[in-house]
C-alpha cells in the first residue's frame, strides 16, 4: 500500500497545544512526556474523547495520533486490551531506565519509518503494535497493585466490549458484575468521570462511524444492529 494512501491516517509530531488539530474524534491519541532517562508519563485520548486537560501545558512531548484501522486485528483479546488501555486510565507513568528506554526505542523506530519516503504501511502497523503491547504490559503490571474499584472498571470495559451490540442498559452490566447499578456508576464516575450509559453510548457512536465508513450498510440496518427500535430514535441518538 503506497504511502499516499495511508499517510493522512497517522500523525506524529513534537509538542501539543490547545489548537493542535487531531486527525478526527474517531482516532486514538498518545502523548509521551519523557521527564528524564528513567521516567515517562503517557497520556491517552480514547476514541470520541479528548486528552486530559493538563496535556496541553506540555510542549516537549511526542504526539502519536492515528485512526482505528492501525490497530484493527482479528484477535479479539488484543482489541479488548487496546480498548482498556485507552479507556481505563488517561495517564500511565512508567518508572525505570530499562522500561523507559524500551518505549523511547520503539518510538524512534516508528518515527523513522513514518518519515521514510518509502515507508511501509505493514512495517509501521507492526511496530505500532509492538509499542501497544509494551504499554499494555506496563499498565497490567501497574494494575496488580491497584484497588478493587480499578478492577471493576476493567471488568466493566471488557464485558461492555463484547456485549454492547446486544446489551445497552447499565443494569445488565451491574447484574453480571454482581453489584448494583448505582454502585457501578459511582465507580465509573470516580475513576473515569463518566457513567456506564455514557461509555456504552460512546462505544455505539464509535461502532456506528466505523461501520458507515467500512461497509455498504444502510442507516436502517445499522440502527437495527445497534439495538434501536426505530430510525427516529437512532437519529436522535446519533
Protein backbone atom coordinates (compact mmCIF):
# COMPACT_ATOMS: atom_id res chain seq x y z
CA UNK A 1 0.00 0.00 0.00
CA UNK A 2 1.51 3.33 -1.11
CA UNK A 3 2.27 5.98 1.49
CA UNK A 4 -0.06 8.49 -0.18
CA UNK A 5 -2.98 6.13 0.59
CA UNK A 6 -2.48 5.99 4.38
CA UNK A 7 -0.31 8.99 5.32
CA UNK A 8 -3.39 11.04 6.31
CA UNK A 9 -4.42 8.31 8.77
CA UNK A 10 -1.49 8.72 11.14
CA UNK A 11 0.23 11.80 12.54
CA UNK A 12 3.47 12.04 14.54
CA UNK A 13 4.55 15.45 15.81
CA UNK A 14 6.55 17.07 18.60
CA UNK A 15 4.65 19.11 21.15
CA UNK A 16 0.94 19.72 21.56
CA UNK A 17 -1.16 22.85 22.07
CA UNK A 18 -4.87 23.61 22.57
CA UNK A 19 -5.15 24.42 18.85
CA UNK A 20 -3.33 21.27 17.68
CA UNK A 21 -5.61 19.53 15.20
CA UNK A 22 -6.33 15.84 15.73
CA UNK A 23 -6.98 13.60 12.73
CA UNK A 24 -10.57 13.14 13.90
CA UNK A 25 -12.63 12.50 17.01
CA UNK A 26 -12.72 8.85 15.99
CA UNK A 27 -8.95 8.43 16.32
CA UNK A 28 -6.62 7.34 19.09
CA UNK A 29 -4.06 9.70 20.58
CA UNK A 30 -0.99 9.05 22.72
CA UNK A 31 1.25 11.78 24.13
CA UNK A 32 4.65 10.82 25.55
CA UNK A 33 6.39 13.10 28.04
CA UNK A 34 9.90 11.96 28.95
CA UNK A 35 10.70 13.53 32.32
CA UNK A 36 14.20 12.01 32.47
CA UNK A 37 16.08 8.86 31.43
CA UNK A 38 14.06 6.75 33.86
CA UNK A 39 10.56 8.23 33.74
CA UNK A 40 7.95 8.69 31.02
CA UNK A 41 4.38 9.90 31.53
CA UNK A 42 1.92 8.80 28.85
CA UNK A 43 -1.46 10.44 28.28
CA UNK A 44 -4.21 8.84 26.23
CA UNK A 45 -7.01 10.15 24.02
CA UNK A 46 -9.64 7.42 23.59
CA UNK A 47 -11.97 7.31 20.60
CA UNK A 48 -14.54 10.14 20.63
CA UNK A 49 -12.84 11.74 23.62
CA UNK A 50 -10.02 14.17 24.44
CA UNK A 51 -6.67 14.20 26.20
CA UNK A 52 -6.56 15.17 29.88
CA UNK A 53 -6.62 18.98 30.11
CA UNK A 54 -3.10 19.26 31.54
CA UNK A 55 -1.70 17.62 28.39
CA UNK A 56 -1.83 20.96 26.58
CA UNK A 57 0.53 22.58 29.08
CA UNK A 58 3.38 20.32 27.97
CA UNK A 59 5.10 21.27 24.71
CA UNK A 60 8.13 18.99 24.91
CA UNK A 61 6.45 15.64 24.29
CA UNK A 62 5.76 13.44 21.26
CA UNK A 63 2.25 13.08 19.85
CA UNK A 64 1.04 9.92 18.12
CA UNK A 65 -2.41 10.32 16.56
CA UNK A 66 -3.79 7.51 14.41
CA UNK A 67 -7.06 6.15 13.06
CA UNK A 68 -8.59 2.99 14.44
CA UNK A 69 -7.56 0.84 11.47
CA UNK A 70 -3.93 0.96 12.58
CA UNK A 71 -4.75 -1.34 15.48
CA UNK A 72 -7.60 -3.36 14.00
CA UNK A 73 -6.90 -7.05 14.44
CA UNK A 74 -8.70 -10.36 14.11
CA UNK A 75 -7.59 -11.17 17.65
CA UNK A 76 -10.46 -10.06 19.93
CA UNK A 77 -8.26 -10.27 23.03
CA UNK A 78 -5.83 -7.75 21.58
CA UNK A 79 -8.68 -5.42 20.62
CA UNK A 80 -10.08 -5.63 24.17
CA UNK A 81 -6.69 -4.87 25.67
CA UNK A 82 -6.36 -1.80 23.44
CA UNK A 83 -9.80 -0.50 24.42
CA UNK A 84 -8.98 -0.99 28.10
CA UNK A 85 -5.57 0.65 27.70
CA UNK A 86 -7.18 3.83 26.39
CA UNK A 87 -10.33 3.85 28.49
CA UNK A 88 -9.34 2.58 31.93
CA UNK A 89 -6.97 5.43 32.71
CA UNK A 90 -5.95 8.52 30.78
CA UNK A 91 -2.46 8.52 32.26
CA UNK A 92 0.27 5.95 32.69
CA UNK A 93 3.54 6.67 34.47
CA UNK A 94 6.42 4.29 33.73
CA UNK A 95 9.45 4.23 36.01
CA UNK A 96 12.81 2.59 35.37
CA UNK A 97 15.60 3.19 32.86
CA UNK A 98 15.08 -0.15 31.10
CA UNK A 99 11.33 0.34 30.57
CA UNK A 100 11.72 3.98 29.55
CA UNK A 101 14.48 3.07 27.07
CA UNK A 102 12.21 0.42 25.51
CA UNK A 103 9.46 2.96 24.95
CA UNK A 104 11.90 5.53 23.52
CA UNK A 105 13.50 2.96 21.16
CA UNK A 106 10.15 1.81 19.73
CA UNK A 107 9.02 5.44 19.31
CA UNK A 108 12.24 6.12 17.36
CA UNK A 109 11.60 3.10 15.12
CA UNK A 110 8.05 4.23 14.36
CA UNK A 111 9.11 7.83 13.76
CA UNK A 112 11.97 6.82 11.43
CA UNK A 113 9.68 4.58 9.40
CA UNK A 114 6.97 7.26 9.27
CA UNK A 115 9.42 9.84 7.90
CA UNK A 116 10.88 7.48 5.29
CA UNK A 117 9.83 8.33 1.74
CA UNK A 118 9.20 4.64 1.01
CA UNK A 119 7.65 3.88 4.38
CA UNK A 120 5.84 0.55 4.63
CA UNK A 121 2.29 0.51 5.98
CA UNK A 122 2.76 -3.06 7.22
CA UNK A 123 6.03 -2.18 8.94
CA UNK A 124 4.53 0.89 10.58
CA UNK A 125 1.46 -1.01 11.76
CA UNK A 126 3.61 -3.86 13.10
CA UNK A 127 5.96 -1.62 15.10
CA UNK A 128 2.97 0.34 16.41
CA UNK A 129 1.58 -2.95 17.67
CA UNK A 130 4.86 -3.62 19.47
CA UNK A 131 4.51 -0.25 21.19
CA UNK A 132 0.91 -1.01 22.19
CA UNK A 133 1.89 -4.39 23.63
CA UNK A 134 4.64 -2.77 25.71
CA UNK A 135 2.16 -0.22 27.09
CA UNK A 136 -0.42 -2.93 27.83
CA UNK A 137 2.19 -4.97 29.71
CA UNK A 138 3.39 -1.98 31.74
CA UNK A 139 -0.18 -0.98 32.56
CA UNK A 140 -1.05 -4.53 33.64
CA UNK A 141 1.98 -4.63 35.93
CA UNK A 142 0.86 -1.35 37.49
CA UNK A 143 -2.67 -2.65 37.78
CA UNK A 144 -1.61 -5.51 40.08
CA UNK A 145 -1.29 -3.06 42.95
CA UNK A 146 -4.43 -1.06 42.20
CA UNK A 147 -7.64 -1.16 44.18
CA UNK A 148 -10.90 -3.04 43.74
CA UNK A 149 -12.52 -0.08 42.01
CA UNK A 150 -9.98 -0.19 39.22
CA UNK A 151 -10.55 -3.92 38.81
CA UNK A 152 -14.28 -3.21 38.49
CA UNK A 153 -13.54 -0.70 35.72
CA UNK A 154 -11.54 -3.29 33.79
CA UNK A 155 -14.28 -5.86 34.33
CA UNK A 156 -16.96 -3.50 33.03
CA UNK A 157 -14.96 -2.42 29.96
CA UNK A 158 -14.19 -6.00 28.97
CA UNK A 159 -17.81 -7.07 29.38
CA UNK A 160 -19.08 -3.99 27.56
CA UNK A 161 -16.76 -4.51 24.59
CA UNK A 162 -18.17 -7.98 23.94
CA UNK A 163 -21.83 -7.20 24.71
CA UNK A 164 -22.64 -3.60 23.74
CA UNK A 165 -24.36 -4.56 20.48
CA UNK A 166 -26.96 -6.59 22.37
CA UNK A 167 -26.94 -5.03 25.83
CA UNK A 168 -27.18 -1.25 26.13
CA UNK A 169 -28.51 -0.85 29.66
CA UNK A 170 -26.23 -0.29 32.65
CA UNK A 171 -28.43 -2.59 34.73
CA UNK A 172 -27.33 -5.63 32.68
CA UNK A 173 -23.62 -4.99 33.30
CA UNK A 174 -24.12 -4.30 37.00
CA UNK A 175 -26.03 -7.58 37.38
CA UNK A 176 -23.33 -9.52 35.54
CA UNK A 177 -20.71 -7.99 37.82
CA UNK A 178 -22.70 -8.73 40.96
CA UNK A 179 -23.11 -5.11 42.06
CA UNK A 180 -25.91 -2.55 41.93
CA UNK A 181 -26.32 -0.16 39.00
CA UNK A 182 -25.84 2.74 41.41
CA UNK A 183 -22.55 1.29 42.68
CA UNK A 184 -21.32 0.66 39.13
CA UNK A 185 -21.96 4.28 38.19
CA UNK A 186 -20.28 5.51 41.38
CA UNK A 187 -17.13 3.56 40.50
CA UNK A 188 -17.08 4.74 36.88
CA UNK A 189 -17.67 8.36 37.88
CA UNK A 190 -14.86 8.13 40.43
CA UNK A 191 -12.33 6.54 38.06
CA UNK A 192 -13.34 7.78 34.59
CA UNK A 193 -15.69 10.69 35.34
CA UNK A 194 -18.43 9.15 33.18
CA UNK A 195 -21.42 6.87 33.75
CA UNK A 196 -21.96 3.39 32.34
CA UNK A 197 -24.58 4.76 29.94
CA UNK A 198 -22.14 7.37 28.62
CA UNK A 199 -19.44 4.76 27.99
CA UNK A 200 -21.88 2.44 26.21
CA UNK A 201 -23.17 5.30 24.05
CA UNK A 202 -19.62 6.38 23.23
CA UNK A 203 -18.87 2.83 22.09
CA UNK A 204 -22.04 2.75 19.97
CA UNK A 205 -21.05 6.01 18.27
CA UNK A 206 -17.57 4.66 17.51
CA UNK A 207 -19.01 1.46 16.07
CA UNK A 208 -21.59 3.36 14.01
CA UNK A 209 -18.90 5.57 12.46
CA UNK A 210 -16.67 2.57 11.78
CA UNK A 211 -19.40 0.59 10.04
CA UNK A 212 -20.62 3.52 7.99
CA UNK A 213 -17.11 4.11 6.66
CA UNK A 214 -16.02 0.49 6.30
CA UNK A 215 -19.11 -1.13 4.74
CA UNK A 216 -22.08 -0.51 2.46
CA UNK A 217 -24.54 -0.94 5.29
CA UNK A 218 -27.69 1.20 5.26
CA UNK A 219 -28.64 3.54 8.09
CA UNK A 220 -31.69 1.38 8.78
CA UNK A 221 -29.59 -1.79 9.01
CA UNK A 222 -27.08 -0.06 11.27
CA UNK A 223 -29.81 1.17 13.59
CA UNK A 224 -31.08 -2.40 13.94
CA UNK A 225 -27.59 -3.81 14.60
CA UNK A 226 -27.02 -1.25 17.35
CA UNK A 227 -30.30 -2.15 19.05
CA UNK A 228 -32.50 0.81 18.13
CA UNK A 229 -36.18 0.06 17.57
CA UNK A 230 -36.76 2.90 15.09
CA UNK A 231 -34.93 5.21 12.70
CA UNK A 232 -36.12 8.26 14.62
CA UNK A 233 -34.62 7.06 17.92
CA UNK A 234 -31.32 6.27 16.17
CA UNK A 235 -31.29 9.69 14.50
CA UNK A 236 -31.85 11.46 17.83
CA UNK A 237 -29.05 9.43 19.40
CA UNK A 238 -26.51 9.82 16.58
